[in-house]
PDB file of N, CA and C in Angstrom:
ATOM      1  N   LYS A   1      22.279 -24.290   1.537  1.00  0.00           N
ATOM      2  CA  LYS A   1      21.779 -23.741   2.789  1.00  0.00           C
ATOM      3  C   LYS A   1      20.824 -24.711   3.483  1.00  0.00           C
ATOM      4  N   PHE A   2      19.969 -25.394   2.727  1.00  0.00           N
ATOM      5  CA  PHE A   2      18.972 -26.265   3.331  1.00  0.00           C
ATOM      6  C   PHE A   2      19.400 -27.729   3.376  1.00  0.00           C
ATOM      7  N   ALA A   3      20.559 -28.059   2.820  1.00  0.00           N
ATOM      8  CA  ALA A   3      21.117 -29.415   2.859  1.00  0.00           C
ATOM      9  C   ALA A   3      20.175 -30.465   2.280  1.00  0.00           C
ATOM     10  N   MET A   4      19.494 -30.128   1.217  1.00  0.00           N
ATOM     11  CA  MET A   4      18.609 -31.099   0.575  1.00  0.00           C
ATOM     12  C   MET A   4      19.406 -31.915  -0.431  1.00  0.00           C
ATOM     13  N   VAL A   5      19.073 -33.199  -0.527  1.00  0.00           N
ATOM     14  CA  VAL A   5      19.794 -34.103  -1.412  1.00  0.00           C
ATOM     15  C   VAL A   5      19.090 -34.203  -2.774  1.00  0.00           C
ATOM     16  N   ALA A   6      17.816 -34.498  -2.755  1.00  0.00           N
ATOM     17  CA  ALA A   6      17.043 -34.658  -3.990  1.00  0.00           C
ATOM     18  C   ALA A   6      15.686 -33.971  -3.801  1.00  0.00           C
ATOM     19  N   PRO A   7      15.663 -32.635  -3.860  1.00  0.00           N
ATOM     20  CA  PRO A   7      14.413 -31.924  -3.562  1.00  0.00           C
ATOM     21  C   PRO A   7      13.426 -31.910  -4.725  1.00  0.00           C
ATOM     22  N   ASP A   8      12.176 -31.847  -4.353  1.00  0.00           N
ATOM     23  CA  ASP A   8      11.086 -31.527  -5.269  1.00  0.00           C
ATOM     24  C   ASP A   8      10.505 -30.230  -4.731  1.00  0.00           C
ATOM     25  N   VAL A   9      10.383 -29.203  -5.594  1.00  0.00           N
ATOM     26  CA  VAL A   9       9.865 -27.912  -5.157  1.00  0.00           C
ATOM     27  C   VAL A   9       8.666 -27.568  -6.017  1.00  0.00           C
ATOM     28  N   GLN A  10       7.572 -27.242  -5.339  1.00  0.00           N
ATOM     29  CA  GLN A  10       6.371 -26.845  -6.070  1.00  0.00           C
ATOM     30  C   GLN A  10       5.772 -25.600  -5.445  1.00  0.00           C
ATOM     31  N   ILE A  11       4.966 -24.894  -6.229  1.00  0.00           N
ATOM     32  CA  ILE A  11       4.262 -23.731  -5.724  1.00  0.00           C
ATOM     33  C   ILE A  11       3.129 -24.248  -4.851  1.00  0.00           C
ATOM     34  N   ASP A  12       3.022 -23.727  -3.639  1.00  0.00           N
ATOM     35  CA  ASP A  12       2.019 -24.180  -2.686  1.00  0.00           C
ATOM     36  C   ASP A  12       0.712 -23.427  -2.928  1.00  0.00           C
ATOM     37  N   ASP A  13       0.100 -23.690  -4.105  1.00  0.00           N
ATOM     38  CA  ASP A  13      -1.128 -22.992  -4.477  1.00  0.00           C
ATOM     39  C   ASP A  13      -2.266 -23.949  -4.811  1.00  0.00           C
ATOM     40  N   GLY A  14      -2.053 -25.235  -4.554  1.00  0.00           N
ATOM     41  CA  GLY A  14      -3.087 -26.220  -4.837  1.00  0.00           C
ATOM     42  C   GLY A  14      -3.106 -26.724  -6.265  1.00  0.00           C
ATOM     43  N   LYS A  15      -2.323 -26.102  -7.155  1.00  0.00           N
ATOM     44  CA  LYS A  15      -2.281 -26.526  -8.555  1.00  0.00           C
ATOM     45  C   LYS A  15      -1.185 -27.548  -8.804  1.00  0.00           C
ATOM     46  N   GLY A  16      -0.171 -27.592  -7.932  1.00  0.00           N
ATOM     47  CA  GLY A  16       0.902 -28.565  -8.065  1.00  0.00           C
ATOM     48  C   GLY A  16       1.933 -28.227  -9.126  1.00  0.00           C
ATOM     49  N   THR A  17       2.143 -26.935  -9.398  1.00  0.00           N
ATOM     50  CA  THR A  17       3.156 -26.537 -10.373  1.00  0.00           C
ATOM     51  C   THR A  17       4.537 -26.863  -9.823  1.00  0.00           C
ATOM     52  N   ILE A  18       5.240 -27.778 -10.492  1.00  0.00           N
ATOM     53  CA  ILE A  18       6.553 -28.228 -10.036  1.00  0.00           C
ATOM     54  C   ILE A  18       7.637 -27.352 -10.649  1.00  0.00           C
ATOM     55  N   LEU A  19       8.474 -26.763  -9.802  1.00  0.00           N
ATOM     56  CA  LEU A  19       9.580 -25.926 -10.263  1.00  0.00           C
ATOM     57  C   LEU A  19      10.866 -26.721 -10.381  1.00  0.00           C
ATOM     58  N   ILE A  20      11.111 -27.586  -9.400  1.00  0.00           N
ATOM     59  CA  ILE A  20      12.313 -28.418  -9.373  1.00  0.00           C
ATOM     60  C   ILE A  20      11.869 -29.836  -9.061  1.00  0.00           C
ATOM     61  N   SER A  21      12.357 -30.785  -9.835  1.00  0.00           N
ATOM     62  CA  SER A  21      12.017 -32.185  -9.606  1.00  0.00           C
ATOM     63  C   SER A  21      13.277 -32.987  -9.322  1.00  0.00           C
ATOM     64  N   SER A  22      13.147 -33.970  -8.447  1.00  0.00           N
ATOM     65  CA  SER A  22      14.274 -34.850  -8.162  1.00  0.00           C
ATOM     66  C   SER A  22      14.478 -35.863  -9.294  1.00  0.00           C
ATOM     67  N   GLU A  23      13.505 -35.958 -10.195  1.00  0.00           N
ATOM     68  CA  GLU A  23      13.644 -36.828 -11.369  1.00  0.00           C
ATOM     69  C   GLU A  23      14.515 -36.120 -12.404  1.00  0.00           C
ATOM     70  N   GLU A  24      15.592 -36.751 -12.798  1.00  0.00           N
ATOM     71  CA  GLU A  24      16.550 -36.139 -13.722  1.00  0.00           C
ATOM     72  C   GLU A  24      15.885 -35.729 -15.032  1.00  0.00           C
ATOM     73  N   GLY A  25      16.107 -34.469 -15.427  1.00  0.00           N
ATOM     74  CA  GLY A  25      15.628 -33.957 -16.704  1.00  0.00           C
ATOM     75  C   GLY A  25      14.182 -33.503 -16.712  1.00  0.00           C
ATOM     76  N   GLU A  26      13.420 -33.792 -15.668  1.00  0.00           N
ATOM     77  CA  GLU A  26      11.990 -33.478 -15.670  1.00  0.00           C
ATOM     78  C   GLU A  26      11.709 -31.977 -15.691  1.00  0.00           C
ATOM     79  N   THR A  27      12.508 -31.190 -14.982  1.00  0.00           N
ATOM     80  CA  THR A  27      12.271 -29.740 -14.929  1.00  0.00           C
ATOM     81  C   THR A  27      13.500 -28.953 -15.383  1.00  0.00           C
ATOM     82  N   GLU A  28      14.346 -29.575 -16.170  1.00  0.00           N
ATOM     83  CA  GLU A  28      15.577 -28.930 -16.639  1.00  0.00           C
ATOM     84  C   GLU A  28      15.292 -27.631 -17.393  1.00  0.00           C
ATOM     85  N   ALA A  29      14.166 -27.559 -18.077  1.00  0.00           N
ATOM     86  CA  ALA A  29      13.809 -26.369 -18.848  1.00  0.00           C
ATOM     87  C   ALA A  29      13.556 -25.165 -17.935  1.00  0.00           C
ATOM     88  N   ASN A  30      13.322 -25.401 -16.660  1.00  0.00           N
ATOM     89  CA  ASN A  30      13.058 -24.303 -15.719  1.00  0.00           C
ATOM     90  C   ASN A  30      14.329 -23.631 -15.200  1.00  0.00           C
ATOM     91  N   ASN A  31      15.482 -24.246 -15.417  1.00  0.00           N
ATOM     92  CA  ASN A  31      16.727 -23.765 -14.820  1.00  0.00           C
ATOM     93  C   ASN A  31      17.060 -22.312 -15.132  1.00  0.00           C
ATOM     94  N   HIS A  32      16.694 -21.819 -16.295  1.00  0.00           N
ATOM     95  CA  HIS A  32      17.065 -20.458 -16.687  1.00  0.00           C
ATOM     96  C   HIS A  32      15.892 -19.490 -16.592  1.00  0.00           C
ATOM     97  N   ARG A  33      14.777 -19.957 -16.074  1.00  0.00           N
ATOM     98  CA  ARG A  33      13.599 -19.102 -15.950  1.00  0.00           C
ATOM     99  C   ARG A  33      13.638 -18.349 -14.622  1.00  0.00           C
ATOM    100  N   LYS A  34      12.979 -17.202 -14.596  1.00  0.00           N
ATOM    101  CA  LYS A  34      12.885 -16.389 -13.395  1.00  0.00           C
ATOM    102  C   LYS A  34      11.635 -16.775 -12.615  1.00  0.00           C
ATOM    103  N   LEU A  35      11.640 -16.466 -11.313  1.00  0.00           N
ATOM    104  CA  LEU A  35      10.468 -16.751 -10.493  1.00  0.00           C
ATOM    105  C   LEU A  35       9.223 -16.053 -11.038  1.00  0.00           C
ATOM    106  N   SER A  36       9.406 -14.850 -11.567  1.00  0.00           N
ATOM    107  CA  SER A  36       8.258 -14.117 -12.108  1.00  0.00           C
ATOM    108  C   SER A  36       7.630 -14.827 -13.302  1.00  0.00           C
ATOM    109  N   ASP A  37       8.399 -15.673 -14.008  1.00  0.00           N
ATOM    110  CA  ASP A  37       7.845 -16.448 -15.122  1.00  0.00           C
ATOM    111  C   ASP A  37       6.786 -17.441 -14.642  1.00  0.00           C
ATOM    112  N   PHE A  38       6.819 -17.776 -13.358  1.00  0.00           N
ATOM    113  CA  PHE A  38       5.856 -18.706 -12.770  1.00  0.00           C
ATOM    114  C   PHE A  38       4.823 -17.974 -11.910  1.00  0.00           C
ATOM    115  N   ALA A  39       4.755 -16.651 -12.034  1.00  0.00           N
ATOM    116  CA  ALA A  39       3.858 -15.801 -11.251  1.00  0.00           C
ATOM    117  C   ALA A  39       4.181 -15.884  -9.759  1.00  0.00           C
ATOM    118  N   ILE A  40       5.443 -16.104  -9.431  1.00  0.00           N
ATOM    119  CA  ILE A  40       5.878 -16.115  -8.034  1.00  0.00           C
ATOM    120  C   ILE A  40       6.265 -14.689  -7.677  1.00  0.00           C
ATOM    121  N   ARG A  41       5.575 -14.167  -6.674  1.00  0.00           N
ATOM    122  CA  ARG A  41       5.791 -12.794  -6.259  1.00  0.00           C
ATOM    123  C   ARG A  41       5.847 -12.731  -4.738  1.00  0.00           C
ATOM    124  N   ASN A  42       5.912 -11.544  -4.206  1.00  0.00           N
ATOM    125  CA  ASN A  42       5.908 -11.331  -2.772  1.00  0.00           C
ATOM    126  C   ASN A  42       4.715 -12.055  -2.138  1.00  0.00           C
ATOM    127  N   GLY A  43       4.987 -12.894  -1.156  1.00  0.00           N
ATOM    128  CA  GLY A  43       3.926 -13.615  -0.459  1.00  0.00           C
ATOM    129  C   GLY A  43       3.652 -15.014  -0.982  1.00  0.00           C
ATOM    130  N   THR A  44       4.231 -15.391  -2.105  1.00  0.00           N
ATOM    131  CA  THR A  44       4.038 -16.741  -2.630  1.00  0.00           C
ATOM    132  C   THR A  44       4.706 -17.747  -1.700  1.00  0.00           C
ATOM    133  N   ARG A  45       4.072 -18.914  -1.538  1.00  0.00           N
ATOM    134  CA  ARG A  45       4.657 -19.985  -0.723  1.00  0.00           C
ATOM    135  C   ARG A  45       5.096 -21.119  -1.631  1.00  0.00           C
ATOM    136  N   LEU A  46       6.275 -21.643  -1.323  1.00  0.00           N
ATOM    137  CA  LEU A  46       6.808 -22.805  -2.028  1.00  0.00           C
ATOM    138  C   LEU A  46       6.930 -23.949  -1.029  1.00  0.00           C
ATOM    139  N   GLN A  47       6.732 -25.164  -1.511  1.00  0.00           N
ATOM    140  CA  GLN A  47       6.924 -26.342  -0.672  1.00  0.00           C
ATOM    141  C   GLN A  47       8.066 -27.148  -1.254  1.00  0.00           C
ATOM    142  N   ALA A  48       9.074 -27.413  -0.427  1.00  0.00           N
ATOM    143  CA  ALA A  48      10.240 -28.192  -0.841  1.00  0.00           C
ATOM    144  C   ALA A  48      10.260 -29.487  -0.035  1.00  0.00           C
ATOM    145  N   ASP A  49      10.259 -30.620  -0.744  1.00  0.00           N
ATOM    146  CA  ASP A  49      10.284 -31.937  -0.102  1.00  0.00           C
ATOM    147  C   ASP A  49      11.538 -32.675  -0.523  1.00  0.00           C
ATOM    148  N   ASP A  50      12.201 -33.284   0.434  1.00  0.00           N
ATOM    149  CA  ASP A  50      13.325 -34.171   0.145  1.00  0.00           C
ATOM    150  C   ASP A  50      12.955 -35.535   0.727  1.00  0.00           C
ATOM    151  N   PHE A  51      12.398 -36.385  -0.137  1.00  0.00           N
ATOM    152  CA  PHE A  51      11.896 -37.676   0.317  1.00  0.00           C
ATOM    153  C   PHE A  51      13.014 -38.583   0.811  1.00  0.00           C
ATOM    154  N   LEU A  52      14.220 -38.406   0.295  1.00  0.00           N
ATOM    155  CA  LEU A  52      15.336 -39.240   0.740  1.00  0.00           C
ATOM    156  C   LEU A  52      15.676 -38.985   2.204  1.00  0.00           C
ATOM    157  N   GLN A  53      15.353 -37.789   2.686  1.00  0.00           N
ATOM    158  CA  GLN A  53      15.675 -37.438   4.066  1.00  0.00           C
ATOM    159  C   GLN A  53      14.432 -37.256   4.930  1.00  0.00           C
ATOM    160  N   ASP A  54      13.249 -37.481   4.373  1.00  0.00           N
ATOM    161  CA  ASP A  54      11.992 -37.266   5.090  1.00  0.00           C
ATOM    162  C   ASP A  54      11.989 -35.862   5.690  1.00  0.00           C
ATOM    163  N   TYR A  55      12.126 -34.869   4.805  1.00  0.00           N
ATOM    164  CA  TYR A  55      12.415 -33.489   5.193  1.00  0.00           C
ATOM    165  C   TYR A  55      11.594 -32.570   4.297  1.00  0.00           C
ATOM    166  N   THR A  56      10.753 -31.716   4.885  1.00  0.00           N
ATOM    167  CA  THR A  56       9.905 -30.803   4.135  1.00  0.00           C
ATOM    168  C   THR A  56      10.065 -29.386   4.670  1.00  0.00           C
ATOM    169  N   LEU A  57      10.114 -28.424   3.760  1.00  0.00           N
ATOM    170  CA  LEU A  57      10.192 -27.002   4.117  1.00  0.00           C
ATOM    171  C   LEU A  57       9.069 -26.244   3.432  1.00  0.00           C
ATOM    172  N   LEU A  58       8.505 -25.277   4.135  1.00  0.00           N
ATOM    173  CA  LEU A  58       7.614 -24.311   3.510  1.00  0.00           C
ATOM    174  C   LEU A  58       8.399 -23.018   3.423  1.00  0.00           C
ATOM    175  N   ILE A  59       8.468 -22.451   2.228  1.00  0.00           N
ATOM    176  CA  ILE A  59       9.269 -21.257   1.982  1.00  0.00           C
ATOM    177  C   ILE A  59       8.345 -20.116   1.606  1.00  0.00           C
ATOM    178  N   ASN A  60       8.424 -19.016   2.338  1.00  0.00           N
ATOM    179  CA  ASN A  60       7.656 -17.813   2.020  1.00  0.00           C
ATOM    180  C   ASN A  60       8.565 -16.871   1.250  1.00  0.00           C
ATOM    181  N   VAL A  61       8.157 -16.500   0.050  1.00  0.00           N
ATOM    182  CA  VAL A  61       8.944 -15.588  -0.778  1.00  0.00           C
ATOM    183  C   VAL A  61       8.542 -14.158  -0.432  1.00  0.00           C
ATOM    184  N   LEU A  62       9.534 -13.363  -0.029  1.00  0.00           N
ATOM    185  CA  LEU A  62       9.299 -11.966   0.299  1.00  0.00           C
ATOM    186  C   LEU A  62      10.196 -11.097  -0.571  1.00  0.00           C
ATOM    187  N   HIS A  63       9.621 -10.084  -1.169  1.00  0.00           N
ATOM    188  CA  HIS A  63      10.391  -9.177  -2.017  1.00  0.00           C
ATOM    189  C   HIS A  63      10.998  -8.091  -1.141  1.00  0.00           C
ATOM    190  N   GLY A  64      12.247  -7.763  -1.419  1.00  0.00           N
ATOM    191  CA  GLY A  64      12.907  -6.695  -0.676  1.00  0.00           C
ATOM    192  C   GLY A  64      13.833  -5.912  -1.586  1.00  0.00           C
ATOM    193  N   GLU A  65      13.930  -4.634  -1.332  1.00  0.00           N
ATOM    194  CA  GLU A  65      14.790  -3.757  -2.126  1.00  0.00           C
ATOM    195  C   GLU A  65      16.085  -3.414  -1.403  1.00  0.00           C
ATOM    196  N   ASP A  66      16.233  -3.838  -0.144  1.00  0.00           N
ATOM    197  CA  ASP A  66      17.352  -3.375   0.664  1.00  0.00           C
ATOM    198  C   ASP A  66      18.464  -4.406   0.839  1.00  0.00           C
ATOM    199  N   LEU A  67      18.698  -5.240  -0.169  1.00  0.00           N
ATOM    200  CA  LEU A  67      19.792  -6.206  -0.094  1.00  0.00           C
ATOM    201  C   LEU A  67      21.124  -5.520  -0.378  1.00  0.00           C
ATOM    202  N   GLU A  68      22.180  -6.095   0.165  1.00  0.00           N
ATOM    203  CA  GLU A  68      23.509  -5.532  -0.067  1.00  0.00           C
ATOM    204  C   GLU A  68      23.887  -5.660  -1.542  1.00  0.00           C
ATOM    205  N   LYS A  69      24.865  -4.891  -1.952  1.00  0.00           N
ATOM    206  CA  LYS A  69      25.328  -4.905  -3.339  1.00  0.00           C
ATOM    207  C   LYS A  69      25.761  -6.318  -3.727  1.00  0.00           C
ATOM    208  N   ASP A  70      25.382  -6.748  -4.914  1.00  0.00           N
ATOM    209  CA  ASP A  70      25.711  -8.057  -5.493  1.00  0.00           C
ATOM    210  C   ASP A  70      25.057  -9.229  -4.762  1.00  0.00           C
ATOM    211  N   VAL A  71      24.099  -8.975  -3.889  1.00  0.00           N
ATOM    212  CA  VAL A  71      23.355 -10.040  -3.222  1.00  0.00           C
ATOM    213  C   VAL A  71      22.015 -10.171  -3.929  1.00  0.00           C
ATOM    214  N   GLU A  72      21.758 -11.369  -4.482  1.00  0.00           N
ATOM    215  CA  GLU A  72      20.523 -11.582  -5.223  1.00  0.00           C
ATOM    216  C   GLU A  72      19.368 -12.016  -4.347  1.00  0.00           C
ATOM    217  N   PHE A  73      19.667 -12.760  -3.272  1.00  0.00           N
ATOM    218  CA  PHE A  73      18.614 -13.201  -2.368  1.00  0.00           C
ATOM    219  C   PHE A  73      19.209 -13.446  -0.997  1.00  0.00           C
ATOM    220  N   GLU A  74      18.324 -13.554  -0.023  1.00  0.00           N
ATOM    221  CA  GLU A  74      18.753 -13.797   1.343  1.00  0.00           C
ATOM    222  C   GLU A  74      17.795 -14.812   1.962  1.00  0.00           C
ATOM    223  N   VAL A  75      18.340 -15.773   2.677  1.00  0.00           N
ATOM    224  CA  VAL A  75      17.525 -16.752   3.389  1.00  0.00           C
ATOM    225  C   VAL A  75      17.416 -16.277   4.825  1.00  0.00           C
ATOM    226  N   VAL A  76      16.181 -16.072   5.266  1.00  0.00           N
ATOM    227  CA  VAL A  76      15.928 -15.577   6.609  1.00  0.00           C
ATOM    228  C   VAL A  76      15.045 -16.594   7.314  1.00  0.00           C
ATOM    229  N   GLY A  77      15.405 -16.918   8.527  1.00  0.00           N
ATOM    230  CA  GLY A  77      14.585 -17.848   9.299  1.00  0.00           C
ATOM    231  C   GLY A  77      15.460 -18.886   9.954  1.00  0.00           C
ATOM    232  N   ASP A  78      14.797 -19.819  10.574  1.00  0.00           N
ATOM    233  CA  ASP A  78      15.502 -20.869  11.282  1.00  0.00           C
ATOM    234  C   ASP A  78      15.695 -22.072  10.386  1.00  0.00           C
ATOM    235  N   ALA A  79      16.941 -22.412  10.143  1.00  0.00           N
ATOM    236  CA  ALA A  79      17.238 -23.644   9.415  1.00  0.00           C
ATOM    237  C   ALA A  79      17.154 -24.780  10.426  1.00  0.00           C
ATOM    238  N   PRO A  80      16.747 -25.952   9.983  1.00  0.00           N
ATOM    239  CA  PRO A  80      16.668 -27.069  10.920  1.00  0.00           C
ATOM    240  C   PRO A  80      18.037 -27.385  11.505  1.00  0.00           C
ATOM    241  N   GLU A  81      18.039 -27.828  12.759  1.00  0.00           N
ATOM    242  CA  GLU A  81      19.301 -28.172  13.408  1.00  0.00           C
ATOM    243  C   GLU A  81      19.926 -29.399  12.775  1.00  0.00           C
ATOM    244  N   ARG A  82      19.097 -30.343  12.384  1.00  0.00           N
ATOM    245  CA  ARG A  82      19.604 -31.592  11.833  1.00  0.00           C
ATOM    246  C   ARG A  82      18.686 -32.024  10.714  1.00  0.00           C
ATOM    247  N   VAL A  83      19.276 -32.437   9.616  1.00  0.00           N
ATOM    248  CA  VAL A  83      18.487 -32.985   8.528  1.00  0.00           C
ATOM    249  C   VAL A  83      18.867 -34.439   8.350  1.00  0.00           C
ATOM    250  N   GLY A  84      18.045 -35.153   7.687  1.00  0.00           N
ATOM    251  CA  GLY A  84      18.297 -36.565   7.459  1.00  0.00           C
ATOM    252  C   GLY A  84      17.105 -37.381   7.909  1.00  0.00           C
ATOM    253  N   PRO A  85      17.173 -38.678   7.719  1.00  0.00           N
ATOM    254  CA  PRO A  85      16.049 -39.524   8.106  1.00  0.00           C
ATOM    255  C   PRO A  85      15.760 -39.379   9.594  1.00  0.00           C
ATOM    256  N   LYS A  86      14.477 -39.361   9.912  1.00  0.00           N
ATOM    257  CA  LYS A  86      14.098 -39.271  11.310  1.00  0.00           C
ATOM    258  C   LYS A  86      14.441 -40.582  12.001  1.00  0.00           C
ATOM    259  N   PRO A  87      15.011 -40.500  13.215  1.00  0.00           N
ATOM    260  CA  PRO A  87      15.321 -41.739  13.929  1.00  0.00           C
ATOM    261  C   PRO A  87      14.027 -42.412  14.358  1.00  0.00           C
ATOM    262  N   PRO A  88      14.034 -43.740  14.450  1.00  0.00           N
ATOM    263  CA  PRO A  88      12.819 -44.423  14.868  1.00  0.00           C
ATOM    264  C   PRO A  88      12.472 -44.045  16.304  1.00  0.00           C
ATOM    265  N   GLU A  89      11.175 -43.967  16.556  1.00  0.00           N
ATOM    266  CA  GLU A  89      10.712 -43.646  17.896  1.00  0.00           C
ATOM    267  C   GLU A  89      11.051 -44.801  18.820  1.00  0.00           C
ATOM    268  N   PRO A  90      11.560 -44.520  20.008  1.00  0.00           N
ATOM    269  CA  PRO A  90      11.851 -45.615  20.945  1.00  0.00           C
ATOM    270  C   PRO A  90      10.548 -46.248  21.400  1.00  0.00           C
ATOM    271  N   THR A  91      10.546 -47.552  21.489  1.00  0.00           N
ATOM    272  CA  THR A  91       9.358 -48.251  21.938  1.00  0.00           C
ATOM    273  C   THR A  91       9.586 -48.718  23.354  1.00  0.00           C
ATOM    274  N   SER A  92       8.624 -48.457  24.185  1.00  0.00           N
ATOM    275  CA  SER A  92       8.711 -48.852  25.577  1.00  0.00           C
ATOM    276  C   SER A  92       7.648 -49.912  25.818  1.00  0.00           C
ATOM    277  N   ARG A  93       8.090 -51.151  25.903  1.00  0.00           N
ATOM    278  CA  ARG A  93       7.150 -52.244  26.099  1.00  0.00           C
ATOM    279  C   ARG A  93       7.591 -53.038  27.310  1.00  0.00           C
ATOM    280  N   ASN A  94       6.639 -53.400  28.127  1.00  0.00           N
ATOM    281  CA  ASN A  94       6.902 -54.193  29.311  1.00  0.00           C
ATOM    282  C   ASN A  94       6.481 -55.620  28.975  1.00  0.00           C
ATOM    283  N   ILE A  95       7.425 -56.504  28.764  1.00  0.00           N
ATOM    284  CA  ILE A  95       7.126 -57.866  28.351  1.00  0.00           C
ATOM    285  C   ILE A  95       7.515 -58.814  29.480  1.00  0.00           C
ATOM    286  N   SER A  96       6.562 -59.638  29.914  1.00  0.00           N
ATOM    287  CA  SER A  96       6.803 -60.617  30.967  1.00  0.00           C
ATOM    288  C   SER A  96       6.398 -61.990  30.462  1.00  0.00           C
ATOM    289  N   ASN A  97       7.108 -62.994  30.843  1.00  0.00           N
ATOM    290  CA  ASN A  97       6.801 -64.374  30.466  1.00  0.00           C
ATOM    291  C   ASN A  97       6.720 -64.571  28.960  1.00  0.00           C
ATOM    292  N   GLY A  98       7.451 -63.770  28.213  1.00  0.00           N
ATOM    293  CA  GLY A  98       7.469 -63.954  26.768  1.00  0.00           C
ATOM    294  C   GLY A  98       6.241 -63.423  26.066  1.00  0.00           C
ATOM    295  N   SER A  99       5.384 -62.706  26.745  1.00  0.00           N
ATOM    296  CA  SER A  99       4.219 -62.129  26.087  1.00  0.00           C
ATOM    297  C   SER A  99       4.126 -60.660  26.473  1.00  0.00           C
ATOM    298  N   ASP A 100       3.332 -59.926  25.725  1.00  0.00           N
ATOM    299  CA  ASP A 100       3.185 -58.511  26.034  1.00  0.00           C
ATOM    300  C   ASP A 100       1.776 -58.195  26.529  1.00  0.00           C
ATOM    301  N   ASP A 101       1.097 -59.207  27.121  1.00  0.00           N
ATOM    302  CA  ASP A 101      -0.278 -58.993  27.583  1.00  0.00           C
ATOM    303  C   ASP A 101      -0.359 -58.490  29.016  1.00  0.00           C
ATOM    304  N   GLY A 102       0.784 -58.214  29.637  1.00  0.00           N
ATOM    305  CA  GLY A 102       0.805 -57.668  30.982  1.00  0.00           C
ATOM    306  C   GLY A 102       0.720 -58.718  32.075  1.00  0.00           C
ATOM    307  N   ALA A 103       0.609 -59.988  31.705  1.00  0.00           N
ATOM    308  CA  ALA A 103       0.525 -61.034  32.714  1.00  0.00           C
ATOM    309  C   ALA A 103       1.821 -61.124  33.482  1.00  0.00           C
ATOM    310  N   GLN A 104       1.707 -61.345  34.792  1.00  0.00           N
ATOM    311  CA  GLN A 104       2.875 -61.455  35.662  1.00  0.00           C
ATOM    312  C   GLN A 104       3.013 -62.895  36.122  1.00  0.00           C
ATOM    313  N   PRO A 105       4.231 -63.335  36.439  1.00  0.00           N
ATOM    314  CA  PRO A 105       4.408 -64.702  36.931  1.00  0.00           C
ATOM    315  C   PRO A 105       3.708 -64.876  38.291  1.00  0.00           C
ATOM    316  N   SER A 106       3.265 -66.072  38.549  1.00  0.00           N
ATOM    317  CA  SER A 106       2.603 -66.386  39.805  1.00  0.00           C
ATOM    318  C   SER A 106       3.582 -66.297  40.962  1.00  0.00           C
ATOM    319  N   THR A 107       3.097 -65.748  42.083  1.00  0.00           N
ATOM    320  CA  THR A 107       3.932 -65.639  43.293  1.00  0.00           C
ATOM    321  C   THR A 107       3.327 -66.447  44.434  1.00  0.00           C
ATOM    322  N   SER A 108       2.350 -67.286  44.142  1.00  0.00           N
ATOM    323  CA  SER A 108       1.704 -68.054  45.219  1.00  0.00           C
ATOM    324  C   SER A 108       2.630 -69.155  45.720  1.00  0.00           C
ATOM    325  N   THR A 109       2.484 -69.497  46.977  1.00  0.00           N
ATOM    326  CA  THR A 109       3.301 -70.562  47.586  1.00  0.00           C
ATOM    327  C   THR A 109       2.386 -71.641  48.146  1.00  0.00           C
ATOM    328  N   GLY A 110       1.388 -72.027  47.397  1.00  0.00           N
ATOM    329  CA  GLY A 110       0.412 -73.015  47.862  1.00  0.00           C
ATOM    330  C   GLY A 110       1.031 -74.356  48.195  1.00  0.00           C
ATOM    331  N   LYS A 111       0.467 -75.075  49.248  1.00  0.00           N
ATOM    332  CA  LYS A 111       0.983 -76.354  49.672  1.00  0.00           C
ATOM    333  C   LYS A 111       0.011 -77.437  49.372  1.00  0.00           C
TER     334      LYS A 111
END
């Protein structure tokens, strides 16, 4: 859903508890654990970073009892329109005479 390539996910509580790591094998033991095992409950915030794409999400966990049958979770909110590396900012520079100091060529017609 979020199109992340190599995410790192941690609880956004200032302690830095890592749930998912992009480093292979680092958090493999967490794969079968429940969110409640990490004291994640209604209102908990998670931070997901994908450094390969320069892409960060803040996720608010909300508990709900009204999901459809066989639905374990639902993602609600606006997904980014485009993910991936941010394009470089265009630079607008006015360069004259091979320098960028703003100097203009002389227009005098002295005799």
